[in-house]
Structures are given as structure tokens and as C-alpha cells.
Amino acid sequence: MTDSFGGRLAAAVRARRGDLRLSQQDLADMAGVSERFVRFVEQGKPSLRLDTLLALLDTLGLELQLATRTSAAARALVTQTLVTQALVTQPLVTQPLLDVTPSAAPLEDSGPGERENRP
């Protein structure tokens, strides 16, 4: 379980609470959360209220940080995003493939003075 985010969080909270020599109830009282919530965090519960978790971490002097992942999946996501942005901002074809603008020249030349009258 310690490989998952919940497991790492649980271990860090338990260790810090132990370093401060606080019981789960003492920590809960100080953070303004329930003792049950402290247990949930320390058990690595996968879903927790973020605001309550942040209050608990703040009481322990811990902070939650975000960092860019360096895994292959994150790199693939970045590459996909860059390609998508390039397609949106850059036209795929920069010049028309076929010029379809009307021309003043006749399609057929039947000879001098024998042009059809076209509307």
C-alpha cells in the first residue's frame, strides 16, 4: 500500500504524528477534525475531503505539493497536447490545392469574334 499516494500519505501522517507524540484524538482536536478522519488518513483511505486533509496536514506542519510527473504516460500526454495545439494553431494546408476563382478568360476559344455570350 505504501506505493500508492494514499499509502505514502498515510505513512507520512503517522510518522509525523508519532514524532510529535500526539494521539489520534489529540491531533484531531488540534486540527478541528474528527478522530475518525485521522484514522481514515492513516489507513490510506482513497477518498478524503481535501479541505479537511489540508487542515490536518497544516496542523502537523506538512504540506501537499504538486509536481510534474516524469512517467512515460505523462510524457505521452504532453506530446499529444503539443501535437493537438500545433494542429489547432497551424493550418494543415497553407496553399489551396486547386484555384477555383473565376477567370475572365473563356473556357474554349472558338476563334476570334465567336465567343459565346455567357451571363
PDB file of N, CA and C in Angstrom:
ATOM      1  N   MET A   1       0.811  -1.191   0.000  1.00  0.00           N
ATOM      2  CA  MET A   1       0.000   0.000   0.000  1.00  0.00           C
ATOM      3  C   MET A   1       0.856   1.258   0.000  1.00  0.00           C
ATOM      4  N   THR A   2       2.079   1.192   0.452  1.00  0.00           N
ATOM      5  CA  THR A   2       2.902   2.392   0.566  1.00  0.00           C
ATOM      6  C   THR A   2       3.367   2.913  -0.787  1.00  0.00           C
ATOM      7  N   ASP A   3       3.131   2.161  -1.879  1.00  0.00           N
ATOM      8  CA  ASP A   3       3.497   2.655  -3.200  1.00  0.00           C
ATOM      9  C   ASP A   3       2.468   3.641  -3.738  1.00  0.00           C
ATOM     10  N   SER A   4       1.234   3.536  -3.283  1.00  0.00           N
ATOM     11  CA  SER A   4       0.186   4.426  -3.750  1.00  0.00           C
ATOM     12  C   SER A   4       0.285   5.770  -3.027  1.00  0.00           C
ATOM     13  N   PHE A   5      -0.353   6.777  -3.607  1.00  0.00           N
ATOM     14  CA  PHE A   5      -0.359   8.088  -2.966  1.00  0.00           C
ATOM     15  C   PHE A   5      -0.973   8.006  -1.569  1.00  0.00           C
ATOM     16  N   GLY A   6      -2.117   7.310  -1.470  1.00  0.00           N
ATOM     17  CA  GLY A   6      -2.773   7.160  -0.163  1.00  0.00           C
ATOM     18  C   GLY A   6      -1.870   6.488   0.853  1.00  0.00           C
ATOM     19  N   GLY A   7      -1.131   5.491   0.412  1.00  0.00           N
ATOM     20  CA  GLY A   7      -0.214   4.787   1.312  1.00  0.00           C
ATOM     21  C   GLY A   7       0.937   5.671   1.772  1.00  0.00           C
ATOM     22  N   ARG A   8       1.496   6.444   0.843  1.00  0.00           N
ATOM     23  CA  ARG A   8       2.593   7.358   1.208  1.00  0.00           C
ATOM     24  C   ARG A   8       2.102   8.459   2.136  1.00  0.00           C
ATOM     25  N   LEU A   9       0.904   8.972   1.854  1.00  0.00           N
ATOM     26  CA  LEU A   9       0.317   9.999   2.709  1.00  0.00           C
ATOM     27  C   LEU A   9       0.076   9.448   4.106  1.00  0.00           C
ATOM     28  N   ALA A  10      -0.501   8.275   4.187  1.00  0.00           N
ATOM     29  CA  ALA A  10      -0.782   7.641   5.473  1.00  0.00           C
ATOM     30  C   ALA A  10       0.501   7.470   6.288  1.00  0.00           C
ATOM     31  N   ALA A  11       1.541   6.974   5.651  1.00  0.00           N
ATOM     32  CA  ALA A  11       2.811   6.755   6.351  1.00  0.00           C
ATOM     33  C   ALA A  11       3.407   8.071   6.842  1.00  0.00           C
ATOM     34  N   ALA A  12       3.333   9.120   6.024  1.00  0.00           N
ATOM     35  CA  ALA A  12       3.888  10.421   6.413  1.00  0.00           C
ATOM     36  C   ALA A  12       3.120  11.021   7.592  1.00  0.00           C
ATOM     37  N   VAL A  13       1.797  10.914   7.564  1.00  0.00           N
ATOM     38  CA  VAL A  13       0.983  11.466   8.659  1.00  0.00           C
ATOM     39  C   VAL A  13       1.239  10.685   9.949  1.00  0.00           C
ATOM     40  N   ARG A  14       1.255   9.359   9.867  1.00  0.00           N
ATOM     41  CA  ARG A  14       1.528   8.539  11.061  1.00  0.00           C
ATOM     42  C   ARG A  14       2.904   8.865  11.645  1.00  0.00           C
ATOM     43  N   ALA A  15       3.908   8.964  10.778  1.00  0.00           N
ATOM     44  CA  ALA A  15       5.271   9.240  11.252  1.00  0.00           C
ATOM     45  C   ALA A  15       5.356  10.615  11.911  1.00  0.00           C
ATOM     46  N   ARG A  16       4.758  11.608  11.294  1.00  0.00           N
ATOM     47  CA  ARG A  16       4.817  12.966  11.856  1.00  0.00           C
ATOM     48  C   ARG A  16       4.054  13.054  13.168  1.00  0.00           C
ATOM     49  N   ARG A  17       2.881  12.413  13.217  1.00  0.00           N
ATOM     50  CA  ARG A  17       2.115  12.400  14.473  1.00  0.00           C
ATOM     51  C   ARG A  17       2.922  11.713  15.567  1.00  0.00           C
ATOM     52  N   GLY A  18       3.604  10.626  15.203  1.00  0.00           N
ATOM     53  CA  GLY A  18       4.442   9.919  16.174  1.00  0.00           C
ATOM     54  C   GLY A  18       5.614  10.779  16.638  1.00  0.00           C
ATOM     55  N   ASP A  19       6.257  11.502  15.699  1.00  0.00           N
ATOM     56  CA  ASP A  19       7.365  12.388  16.059  1.00  0.00           C
ATOM     57  C   ASP A  19       6.924  13.474  17.041  1.00  0.00           C
ATOM     58  N   LEU A  20       5.682  13.933  16.864  1.00  0.00           N
ATOM     59  CA  LEU A  20       5.150  14.980  17.747  1.00  0.00           C
ATOM     60  C   LEU A  20       4.533  14.412  19.025  1.00  0.00           C
ATOM     61  N   ARG A  21       4.513  13.085  19.125  1.00  0.00           N
ATOM     62  CA  ARG A  21       3.967  12.381  20.295  1.00  0.00           C
ATOM     63  C   ARG A  21       2.513  12.769  20.575  1.00  0.00           C
ATOM     64  N   LEU A  22       1.743  12.760  19.499  1.00  0.00           N
ATOM     65  CA  LEU A  22       0.324  13.079  19.612  1.00  0.00           C
ATOM     66  C   LEU A  22      -0.505  11.820  19.403  1.00  0.00           C
ATOM     67  N   SER A  23      -1.592  11.696  20.146  1.00  0.00           N
ATOM     68  CA  SER A  23      -2.541  10.620  19.864  1.00  0.00           C
ATOM     69  C   SER A  23      -3.410  11.053  18.692  1.00  0.00           C
ATOM     70  N   GLN A  24      -4.109  10.112  18.110  1.00  0.00           N
ATOM     71  CA  GLN A  24      -5.017  10.470  17.018  1.00  0.00           C
ATOM     72  C   GLN A  24      -6.067  11.471  17.504  1.00  0.00           C
ATOM     73  N   GLN A  25      -6.566  11.288  18.719  1.00  0.00           N
ATOM     74  CA  GLN A  25      -7.564  12.206  19.266  1.00  0.00           C
ATOM     75  C   GLN A  25      -6.968  13.592  19.494  1.00  0.00           C
ATOM     76  N   ASP A  26      -5.735  13.663  20.011  1.00  0.00           N
ATOM     77  CA  ASP A  26      -5.080  14.965  20.218  1.00  0.00           C
ATOM     78  C   ASP A  26      -4.933  15.705  18.881  1.00  0.00           C
ATOM     79  N   LEU A  27      -4.474  14.989  17.864  1.00  0.00           N
ATOM     80  CA  LEU A  27      -4.302  15.598  16.554  1.00  0.00           C
ATOM     81  C   LEU A  27      -5.644  16.070  15.995  1.00  0.00           C
ATOM     82  N   ALA A  28      -6.665  15.240  16.144  1.00  0.00           N
ATOM     83  CA  ALA A  28      -7.997  15.600  15.653  1.00  0.00           C
ATOM     84  C   ALA A  28      -8.495  16.872  16.331  1.00  0.00           C
ATOM     85  N   ASP A  29      -8.331  16.957  17.646  1.00  0.00           N
ATOM     86  CA  ASP A  29      -8.770  18.143  18.385  1.00  0.00           C
ATOM     87  C   ASP A  29      -8.019  19.390  17.920  1.00  0.00           C
ATOM     88  N   MET A  30      -6.725  19.267  17.732  1.00  0.00           N
ATOM     89  CA  MET A  30      -5.911  20.406  17.310  1.00  0.00           C
ATOM     90  C   MET A  30      -6.267  20.864  15.892  1.00  0.00           C
ATOM     91  N   ALA A  31      -6.585  19.917  15.016  1.00  0.00           N
ATOM     92  CA  ALA A  31      -6.867  20.243  13.615  1.00  0.00           C
ATOM     93  C   ALA A  31      -8.333  20.600  13.383  1.00  0.00           C
ATOM     94  N   GLY A  32      -9.169  20.338  14.369  1.00  0.00           N
ATOM     95  CA  GLY A  32     -10.598  20.611  14.195  1.00  0.00           C
ATOM     96  C   GLY A  32     -11.287  19.594  13.301  1.00  0.00           C
ATOM     97  N   VAL A  33     -10.786  18.369  13.342  1.00  0.00           N
ATOM     98  CA  VAL A  33     -11.390  17.290  12.559  1.00  0.00           C
ATOM     99  C   VAL A  33     -11.764  16.165  13.513  1.00  0.00           C
ATOM    100  N   SER A  34     -12.445  15.169  13.006  1.00  0.00           N
ATOM    101  CA  SER A  34     -12.808  14.045  13.868  1.00  0.00           C
ATOM    102  C   SER A  34     -11.642  13.069  13.988  1.00  0.00           C
ATOM    103  N   GLU A  35     -11.656  12.333  15.072  1.00  0.00           N
ATOM    104  CA  GLU A  35     -10.635  11.300  15.266  1.00  0.00           C
ATOM    105  C   GLU A  35     -10.786  10.224  14.193  1.00  0.00           C
ATOM    106  N   ARG A  36     -12.010   9.999  13.751  1.00  0.00           N
ATOM    107  CA  ARG A  36     -12.283   9.040  12.684  1.00  0.00           C
ATOM    108  C   ARG A  36     -11.595   9.470  11.386  1.00  0.00           C
ATOM    109  N   PHE A  37     -11.617  10.772  11.104  1.00  0.00           N
ATOM    110  CA  PHE A  37     -10.952  11.267   9.901  1.00  0.00           C
ATOM    111  C   PHE A  37      -9.446  11.002   9.976  1.00  0.00           C
ATOM    112  N   VAL A  38      -8.850  11.242  11.134  1.00  0.00           N
ATOM    113  CA  VAL A  38      -7.409  10.979  11.309  1.00  0.00           C
ATOM    114  C   VAL A  38      -7.128   9.500  11.037  1.00  0.00           C
ATOM    115  N   ARG A  39      -7.983   8.630  11.546  1.00  0.00           N
ATOM    116  CA  ARG A  39      -7.814   7.192  11.289  1.00  0.00           C
ATOM    117  C   ARG A  39      -7.891   6.892   9.795  1.00  0.00           C
ATOM    118  N   PHE A  40      -8.873   7.497   9.114  1.00  0.00           N
ATOM    119  CA  PHE A  40      -9.022   7.272   7.680  1.00  0.00           C
ATOM    120  C   PHE A  40      -7.754   7.678   6.925  1.00  0.00           C
ATOM    121  N   VAL A  41      -7.196   8.827   7.272  1.00  0.00           N
ATOM    122  CA  VAL A  41      -5.974   9.291   6.610  1.00  0.00           C
ATOM    123  C   VAL A  41      -4.845   8.301   6.864  1.00  0.00           C
ATOM    124  N   GLU A  42      -4.700   7.891   8.111  1.00  0.00           N
ATOM    125  CA  GLU A  42      -3.603   6.986   8.474  1.00  0.00           C
ATOM    126  C   GLU A  42      -3.794   5.574   7.944  1.00  0.00           C
ATOM    127  N   GLN A  43      -4.999   5.245   7.526  1.00  0.00           N
ATOM    128  CA  GLN A  43      -5.255   3.935   6.913  1.00  0.00           C
ATOM    129  C   GLN A  43      -5.138   4.005   5.390  1.00  0.00           C
ATOM    130  N   GLY A  44      -4.931   5.207   4.857  1.00  0.00           N
ATOM    131  CA  GLY A  44      -4.786   5.357   3.413  1.00  0.00           C
ATOM    132  C   GLY A  44      -6.099   5.306   2.658  1.00  0.00           C
ATOM    133  N   LYS A  45      -7.176   5.773   3.291  1.00  0.00           N
ATOM    134  CA  LYS A  45      -8.486   5.775   2.620  1.00  0.00           C
ATOM    135  C   LYS A  45      -8.361   6.527   1.292  1.00  0.00           C
ATOM    136  N   PRO A  46      -8.883   5.949   0.207  1.00  0.00           N
ATOM    137  CA  PRO A  46      -8.680   6.543  -1.113  1.00  0.00           C
ATOM    138  C   PRO A  46      -9.455   7.827  -1.392  1.00  0.00           C
ATOM    139  N   SER A  47     -10.512   8.112  -0.641  1.00  0.00           N
ATOM    140  CA  SER A  47     -11.253   9.349  -0.885  1.00  0.00           C
ATOM    141  C   SER A  47     -11.394  10.123   0.430  1.00  0.00           C
ATOM    142  N   LEU A  48     -10.907  11.338   0.396  1.00  0.00           N
ATOM    143  CA  LEU A  48     -10.939  12.217   1.566  1.00  0.00           C
ATOM    144  C   LEU A  48     -11.321  13.613   1.116  1.00  0.00           C
ATOM    145  N   ARG A  49     -11.912  14.379   2.000  1.00  0.00           N
ATOM    146  CA  ARG A  49     -12.202  15.780   1.690  1.00  0.00           C
ATOM    147  C   ARG A  49     -10.888  16.560   1.713  1.00  0.00           C
ATOM    148  N   LEU A  50     -10.644  17.266   0.648  1.00  0.00           N
ATOM    149  CA  LEU A  50      -9.369  17.979   0.506  1.00  0.00           C
ATOM    150  C   LEU A  50      -9.205  19.062   1.563  1.00  0.00           C
ATOM    151  N   ASP A  51     -10.240  19.848   1.820  1.00  0.00           N
ATOM    152  CA  ASP A  51     -10.113  20.929   2.805  1.00  0.00           C
ATOM    153  C   ASP A  51      -9.809  20.378   4.197  1.00  0.00           C
ATOM    154  N   THR A  52     -10.415  19.249   4.540  1.00  0.00           N
ATOM    155  CA  THR A  52     -10.173  18.633   5.850  1.00  0.00           C
ATOM    156  C   THR A  52      -8.770  18.045   5.912  1.00  0.00           C
ATOM    157  N   LEU A  53      -8.346  17.416   4.824  1.00  0.00           N
ATOM    158  CA  LEU A  53      -6.991  16.876   4.756  1.00  0.00           C
ATOM    159  C   LEU A  53      -5.955  17.985   4.903  1.00  0.00           C
ATOM    160  N   LEU A  54      -6.172  19.102   4.216  1.00  0.00           N
ATOM    161  CA  LEU A  54      -5.228  20.218   4.294  1.00  0.00           C
ATOM    162  C   LEU A  54      -5.157  20.789   5.711  1.00  0.00           C
ATOM    163  N   ALA A  55      -6.275  20.836   6.417  1.00  0.00           N
ATOM    164  CA  ALA A  55      -6.276  21.303   7.813  1.00  0.00           C
ATOM    165  C   ALA A  55      -5.444  20.369   8.689  1.00  0.00           C
ATOM    166  N   LEU A  56      -5.587  19.076   8.470  1.00  0.00           N
ATOM    167  CA  LEU A  56      -4.818  18.093   9.231  1.00  0.00           C
ATOM    168  C   LEU A  56      -3.319  18.223   8.937  1.00  0.00           C
ATOM    169  N   LEU A  57      -2.972  18.337   7.662  1.00  0.00           N
ATOM    170  CA  LEU A  57      -1.564  18.462   7.283  1.00  0.00           C
ATOM    171  C   LEU A  57      -0.963  19.748   7.828  1.00  0.00           C
ATOM    172  N   ASP A  58      -1.723  20.831   7.791  1.00  0.00           N
ATOM    173  CA  ASP A  58      -1.251  22.107   8.317  1.00  0.00           C
ATOM    174  C   ASP A  58      -0.946  21.998   9.804  1.00  0.00           C
ATOM    175  N   THR A  59      -1.795  21.319  10.531  1.00  0.00           N
ATOM    176  CA  THR A  59      -1.581  21.130  11.972  1.00  0.00           C
ATOM    177  C   THR A  59      -0.293  20.355  12.229  1.00  0.00           C
ATOM    178  N   LEU A  60       0.012  19.414  11.355  1.00  0.00           N
ATOM    179  CA  LEU A  60       1.231  18.616  11.515  1.00  0.00           C
ATOM    180  C   LEU A  60       2.475  19.317  10.963  1.00  0.00           C
ATOM    181  N   GLY A  61       2.281  20.452  10.326  1.00  0.00           N
ATOM    182  CA  GLY A  61       3.414  21.146   9.713  1.00  0.00           C
ATOM    183  C   GLY A  61       3.832  20.508   8.400  1.00  0.00           C
ATOM    184  N   LEU A  62       2.907  19.815   7.772  1.00  0.00           N
ATOM    185  CA  LEU A  62       3.164  19.178   6.475  1.00  0.00           C
ATOM    186  C   LEU A  62       2.415  19.944   5.403  1.00  0.00           C
ATOM    187  N   GLU A  63       2.879  19.823   4.176  1.00  0.00           N
ATOM    188  CA  GLU A  63       2.158  20.450   3.066  1.00  0.00           C
ATOM    189  C   GLU A  63       2.056  19.482   1.908  1.00  0.00           C
ATOM    190  N   LEU A  64       1.017  19.671   1.146  1.00  0.00           N
ATOM    191  CA  LEU A  64       0.778  18.870  -0.042  1.00  0.00           C
ATOM    192  C   LEU A  64       1.316  19.656  -1.223  1.00  0.00           C
ATOM    193  N   GLN A  65       2.165  19.046  -2.033  1.00  0.00           N
ATOM    194  CA  GLN A  65       2.746  19.736  -3.177  1.00  0.00           C
ATOM    195  C   GLN A  65       2.396  19.007  -4.457  1.00  0.00           C
ATOM    196  N   LEU A  66       2.280  19.778  -5.520  1.00  0.00           N
ATOM    197  CA  LEU A  66       2.059  19.203  -6.838  1.00  0.00           C
ATOM    198  C   LEU A  66       3.360  19.268  -7.612  1.00  0.00           C
ATOM    199  N   ALA A  67       3.622  18.232  -8.368  1.00  0.00           N
ATOM    200  CA  ALA A  67       4.834  18.193  -9.183  1.00  0.00           C
ATOM    201  C   ALA A  67       4.484  17.565 -10.532  1.00  0.00           C
ATOM    202  N   THR A  68       5.239  17.901 -11.534  1.00  0.00           N
ATOM    203  CA  THR A  68       5.037  17.327 -12.853  1.00  0.00           C
ATOM    204  C   THR A  68       5.544  15.893 -12.858  1.00  0.00           C
ATOM    205  N   ARG A  69       4.739  15.009 -13.370  1.00  0.00           N
ATOM    206  CA  ARG A  69       5.142  13.603 -13.456  1.00  0.00           C
ATOM    207  C   ARG A  69       6.179  13.441 -14.552  1.00  0.00           C
ATOM    208  N   THR A  70       7.059  12.497 -14.352  1.00  0.00           N
ATOM    209  CA  THR A  70       8.066  12.221 -15.372  1.00  0.00           C
ATOM    210  C   THR A  70       7.875  10.840 -15.974  1.00  0.00           C
ATOM    211  N   SER A  71       6.736  10.238 -15.718  1.00  0.00           N
ATOM    212  CA  SER A  71       6.476   8.896 -16.241  1.00  0.00           C
ATOM    213  C   SER A  71       6.225   8.946 -17.745  1.00  0.00           C
ATOM    214  N   ALA A  72       6.289   7.800 -18.359  1.00  0.00           N
ATOM    215  CA  ALA A  72       6.051   7.710 -19.798  1.00  0.00           C
ATOM    216  C   ALA A  72       4.641   8.176 -20.152  1.00  0.00           C
ATOM    217  N   ALA A  73       3.672   7.887 -19.291  1.00  0.00           N
ATOM    218  CA  ALA A  73       2.297   8.309 -19.564  1.00  0.00           C
ATOM    219  C   ALA A  73       2.188   9.828 -19.565  1.00  0.00           C
ATOM    220  N   ALA A  74       2.850  10.482 -18.635  1.00  0.00           N
ATOM    221  CA  ALA A  74       2.805  11.948 -18.582  1.00  0.00           C
ATOM    222  C   ALA A  74       3.499  12.547 -19.802  1.00  0.00           C
ATOM    223  N   ARG A  75       4.620  11.955 -20.208  1.00  0.00           N
ATOM    224  CA  ARG A  75       5.320  12.456 -21.392  1.00  0.00           C
ATOM    225  C   ARG A  75       4.453  12.290 -22.638  1.00  0.00           C
ATOM    226  N   ALA A  76       3.756  11.164 -22.729  1.00  0.00           N
ATOM    227  CA  ALA A  76       2.872  10.932 -23.871  1.00  0.00           C
ATOM    228  C   ALA A  76       1.736  11.943 -23.886  1.00  0.00           C
ATOM    229  N   LEU A  77       1.217  12.270 -22.726  1.00  0.00           N
ATOM    230  CA  LEU A  77       0.139  13.260 -22.634  1.00  0.00           C
ATOM    231  C   LEU A  77       0.630  14.624 -23.095  1.00  0.00           C
ATOM    232  N   VAL A  78       1.835  15.000 -22.678  1.00  0.00           N
ATOM    233  CA  VAL A  78       2.402  16.285 -23.090  1.00  0.00           C
ATOM    234  C   VAL A  78       2.602  16.304 -24.600  1.00  0.00           C
ATOM    235  N   THR A  79       3.127  15.222 -25.157  1.00  0.00           N
ATOM    236  CA  THR A  79       3.346  15.141 -26.600  1.00  0.00           C
ATOM    237  C   THR A  79       2.024  15.256 -27.343  1.00  0.00           C
ATOM    238  N   GLN A  80       1.010  14.551 -26.877  1.00  0.00           N
ATOM    239  CA  GLN A  80      -0.306  14.606 -27.506  1.00  0.00           C
ATOM    240  C   GLN A  80      -0.865  16.025 -27.439  1.00  0.00           C
ATOM    241  N   THR A  81      -0.704  16.687 -26.322  1.00  0.00           N
ATOM    242  CA  THR A  81      -1.196  18.053 -26.164  1.00  0.00           C
ATOM    243  C   THR A  81      -0.482  19.003 -27.117  1.00  0.00           C
ATOM    244  N   LEU A  82       0.835  18.859 -27.242  1.00  0.00           N
ATOM    245  CA  LEU A  82       1.594  19.721 -28.143  1.00  0.00           C
ATOM    246  C   LEU A  82       1.183  19.512 -29.593  1.00  0.00           C
ATOM    247  N   VAL A  83       0.958  18.278 -29.985  1.00  0.00           N
ATOM    248  CA  VAL A  83       0.537  17.991 -31.353  1.00  0.00           C
ATOM    249  C   VAL A  83      -0.844  18.586 -31.602  1.00  0.00           C
ATOM    250  N   THR A  84      -1.748  18.420 -30.652  1.00  0.00           N
ATOM    251  CA  THR A  84      -3.088  18.980 -30.788  1.00  0.00           C
ATOM    252  C   THR A  84      -3.036  20.493 -30.898  1.00  0.00           C
ATOM    253  N   GLN A  85      -2.226  21.140 -30.078  1.00  0.00           N
ATOM    254  CA  GLN A  85      -2.097  22.599 -30.139  1.00  0.00           C
ATOM    255  C   GLN A  85      -1.522  23.027 -31.485  1.00  0.00           C
ATOM    256  N   ALA A  86      -0.572  22.294 -32.008  1.00  0.00           N
ATOM    257  CA  ALA A  86       0.024  22.635 -33.299  1.00  0.00           C
ATOM    258  C   ALA A  86      -1.007  22.522 -34.411  1.00  0.00           C
ATOM    259  N   LEU A  87      -1.859  21.500 -34.340  1.00  0.00           N
ATOM    260  CA  LEU A  87      -2.883  21.334 -35.365  1.00  0.00           C
ATOM    261  C   LEU A  87      -3.930  22.436 -35.300  1.00  0.00           C
ATOM    262  N   VAL A  88      -4.225  22.894 -34.113  1.00  0.00           N
ATOM    263  CA  VAL A  88      -5.230  23.936 -33.948  1.00  0.00           C
ATOM    264  C   VAL A  88      -4.686  25.285 -34.398  1.00  0.00           C
ATOM    265  N   THR A  89      -3.430  25.555 -34.110  1.00  0.00           N
ATOM    266  CA  THR A  89      -2.868  26.873 -34.424  1.00  0.00           C
ATOM    267  C   THR A  89      -2.247  26.953 -35.806  1.00  0.00           C
ATOM    268  N   GLN A  90      -1.890  25.838 -36.406  1.00  0.00           N
ATOM    269  CA  GLN A  90      -1.265  25.823 -37.727  1.00  0.00           C
ATOM    270  C   GLN A  90      -2.220  25.181 -38.718  1.00  0.00           C
ATOM    271  N   PRO A  91      -2.489  25.833 -39.846  1.00  0.00           N
ATOM    272  CA  PRO A  91      -3.338  25.172 -40.840  1.00  0.00           C
ATOM    273  C   PRO A  91      -2.608  23.968 -41.431  1.00  0.00           C
ATOM    274  N   LEU A  92      -3.378  22.939 -41.751  1.00  0.00           N
ATOM    275  CA  LEU A  92      -2.767  21.746 -42.332  1.00  0.00           C
ATOM    276  C   LEU A  92      -2.266  22.020 -43.746  1.00  0.00           C
ATOM    277  N   VAL A  93      -2.992  22.802 -44.528  1.00  0.00           N
ATOM    278  CA  VAL A  93      -2.600  23.139 -45.892  1.00  0.00           C
ATOM    279  C   VAL A  93      -2.444  24.649 -45.942  1.00  0.00           C
ATOM    280  N   THR A  94      -1.274  25.112 -46.336  1.00  0.00           N
ATOM    281  CA  THR A  94      -1.044  26.553 -46.334  1.00  0.00           C
ATOM    282  C   THR A  94      -1.411  27.212 -47.651  1.00  0.00           C
ATOM    283  N   GLN A  95      -1.540  26.434 -48.743  1.00  0.00           N
ATOM    284  CA  GLN A  95      -1.941  26.993 -50.034  1.00  0.00           C
ATOM    285  C   GLN A  95      -3.075  26.143 -50.578  1.00  0.00           C
ATOM    286  N   PRO A  96      -3.991  26.759 -51.318  1.00  0.00           N
ATOM    287  CA  PRO A  96      -5.101  25.971 -51.851  1.00  0.00           C
ATOM    288  C   PRO A  96      -4.587  24.899 -52.804  1.00  0.00           C
ATOM    289  N   LEU A  97      -5.252  23.761 -52.784  1.00  0.00           N
ATOM    290  CA  LEU A  97      -4.874  22.683 -53.685  1.00  0.00           C
ATOM    291  C   LEU A  97      -5.321  22.973 -55.113  1.00  0.00           C
ATOM    292  N   LEU A  98      -6.411  23.683 -55.259  1.00  0.00           N
ATOM    293  CA  LEU A  98      -6.962  23.969 -56.573  1.00  0.00           C
ATOM    294  C   LEU A  98      -7.495  25.392 -56.549  1.00  0.00           C
ATOM    295  N   ASP A  99      -7.098  26.167 -57.548  1.00  0.00           N
ATOM    296  CA  ASP A  99      -7.564  27.543 -57.624  1.00  0.00           C
ATOM    297  C   ASP A  99      -8.904  27.531 -58.344  1.00  0.00           C
ATOM    298  N   VAL A 100      -9.968  27.877 -57.632  1.00  0.00           N
ATOM    299  CA  VAL A 100     -11.300  27.847 -58.214  1.00  0.00           C
ATOM    300  C   VAL A 100     -11.876  29.244 -58.379  1.00  0.00           C
ATOM    301  N   THR A 101     -11.016  30.248 -58.390  1.00  0.00           N
ATOM    302  CA  THR A 101     -11.503  31.614 -58.584  1.00  0.00           C
ATOM    303  C   THR A 101     -11.923  31.798 -60.028  1.00  0.00           C
ATOM    304  N   PRO A 102     -13.012  32.560 -60.274  1.00  0.00           N
ATOM    305  CA  PRO A 102     -13.473  32.769 -61.649  1.00  0.00           C
ATOM    306  C   PRO A 102     -12.402  33.482 -62.462  1.00  0.00           C
ATOM    307  N   SER A 103     -12.307  33.112 -63.715  1.00  0.00           N
ATOM    308  CA  SER A 103     -11.326  33.716 -64.603  1.00  0.00           C
ATOM    309  C   SER A 103     -12.047  34.498 -65.688  1.00  0.00           C
ATOM    310  N   ALA A 104     -11.437  35.556 -66.160  1.00  0.00           N
ATOM    311  CA  ALA A 104     -12.016  36.336 -67.245  1.00  0.00           C
ATOM    312  C   ALA A 104     -11.796  35.650 -68.580  1.00  0.00           C
ATOM    313  N   ALA A 105     -10.872  34.722 -68.646  1.00  0.00           N
ATOM    314  CA  ALA A 105     -10.574  34.031 -69.904  1.00  0.00           C
ATOM    315  C   ALA A 105     -11.659  33.016 -70.190  1.00  0.00           C
ATOM    316  N   PRO A 106     -12.032  32.843 -71.455  1.00  0.00           N
ATOM    317  CA  PRO A 106     -13.053  31.856 -71.802  1.00  0.00           C
ATOM    318  C   PRO A 106     -12.514  30.447 -71.606  1.00  0.00           C
ATOM    319  N   LEU A 107     -13.435  29.518 -71.404  1.00  0.00           N
ATOM    320  CA  LEU A 107     -13.040  28.129 -71.256  1.00  0.00           C
ATOM    321  C   LEU A 107     -12.562  27.550 -72.586  1.00  0.00           C
ATOM    322  N   GLU A 108     -13.248  27.912 -73.671  1.00  0.00           N
ATOM    323  CA  GLU A 108     -12.870  27.453 -75.007  1.00  0.00           C
ATOM    324  C   GLU A 108     -12.760  28.660 -75.908  1.00  0.00           C
ATOM    325  N   ASP A 109     -11.838  28.611 -76.766  1.00  0.00           N
ATOM    326  CA  ASP A 109     -11.715  29.711 -77.722  1.00  0.00           C
ATOM    327  C   ASP A 109     -12.109  29.160 -79.081  1.00  0.00           C
ATOM    328  N   SER A 110     -13.274  29.615 -79.592  1.00  0.00           N
ATOM    329  CA  SER A 110     -13.779  29.120 -80.865  1.00  0.00           C
ATOM    330  C   SER A 110     -13.175  29.869 -82.037  1.00  0.00           C
ATOM    331  N   GLY A 111     -12.366  30.797 -81.744  1.00  0.00           N
ATOM    332  CA  GLY A 111     -11.787  31.621 -82.798  1.00  0.00           C
ATOM    333  C   GLY A 111     -12.108  33.067 -82.507  1.00  0.00           C
ATOM    334  N   PRO A 112     -11.499  33.954 -83.235  1.00  0.00           N
ATOM    335  CA  PRO A 112     -11.723  35.371 -82.972  1.00  0.00           C
ATOM    336  C   PRO A 112     -13.148  35.781 -83.291  1.00  0.00           C
ATOM    337  N   GLY A 113     -13.745  36.478 -82.356  1.00  0.00           N
ATOM    338  CA  GLY A 113     -15.075  37.041 -82.519  1.00  0.00           C
ATOM    339  C   GLY A 113     -16.197  36.041 -82.399  1.00  0.00           C
ATOM    340  N   GLU A 114     -15.950  34.787 -82.062  1.00  0.00           N
ATOM    341  CA  GLU A 114     -17.010  33.793 -81.994  1.00  0.00           C
ATOM    342  C   GLU A 114     -17.271  33.312 -80.570  1.00  0.00           C
ATOM    343  N   ARG A 115     -16.968  34.122 -79.580  1.00  0.00           N
ATOM    344  CA  ARG A 115     -17.184  33.727 -78.184  1.00  0.00           C
ATOM    345  C   ARG A 115     -18.667  33.680 -77.859  1.00  0.00           C
ATOM    346  N   GLU A 116     -19.048  32.746 -77.038  1.00  0.00           N
ATOM    347  CA  GLU A 116     -20.430  32.668 -76.578  1.00  0.00           C
ATOM    348  C   GLU A 116     -20.717  33.780 -75.599  1.00  0.00           C
ATOM    349  N   ASN A 117     -21.925  34.220 -75.612  1.00  0.00           N
ATOM    350  CA  ASN A 117     -22.341  35.203 -74.612  1.00  0.00           C
ATOM    351  C   ASN A 117     -22.796  34.418 -73.379  1.00  0.00           C
ATOM    352  N   ARG A 118     -22.099  34.618 -72.327  1.00  0.00           N
ATOM    353  CA  ARG A 118     -22.445  33.946 -71.075  1.00  0.00           C
ATOM    354  C   ARG A 118     -22.919  34.967 -70.065  1.00  0.00           C
ATOM    355  N   PRO A 119     -23.933  34.650 -69.310  1.00  0.00           N
ATOM    356  CA  PRO A 119     -24.423  35.613 -68.317  1.00  0.00           C
ATOM    357  C   PRO A 119     -23.425  35.860 -67.219  1.00  0.00           C
TER     358      PRO A 119
END
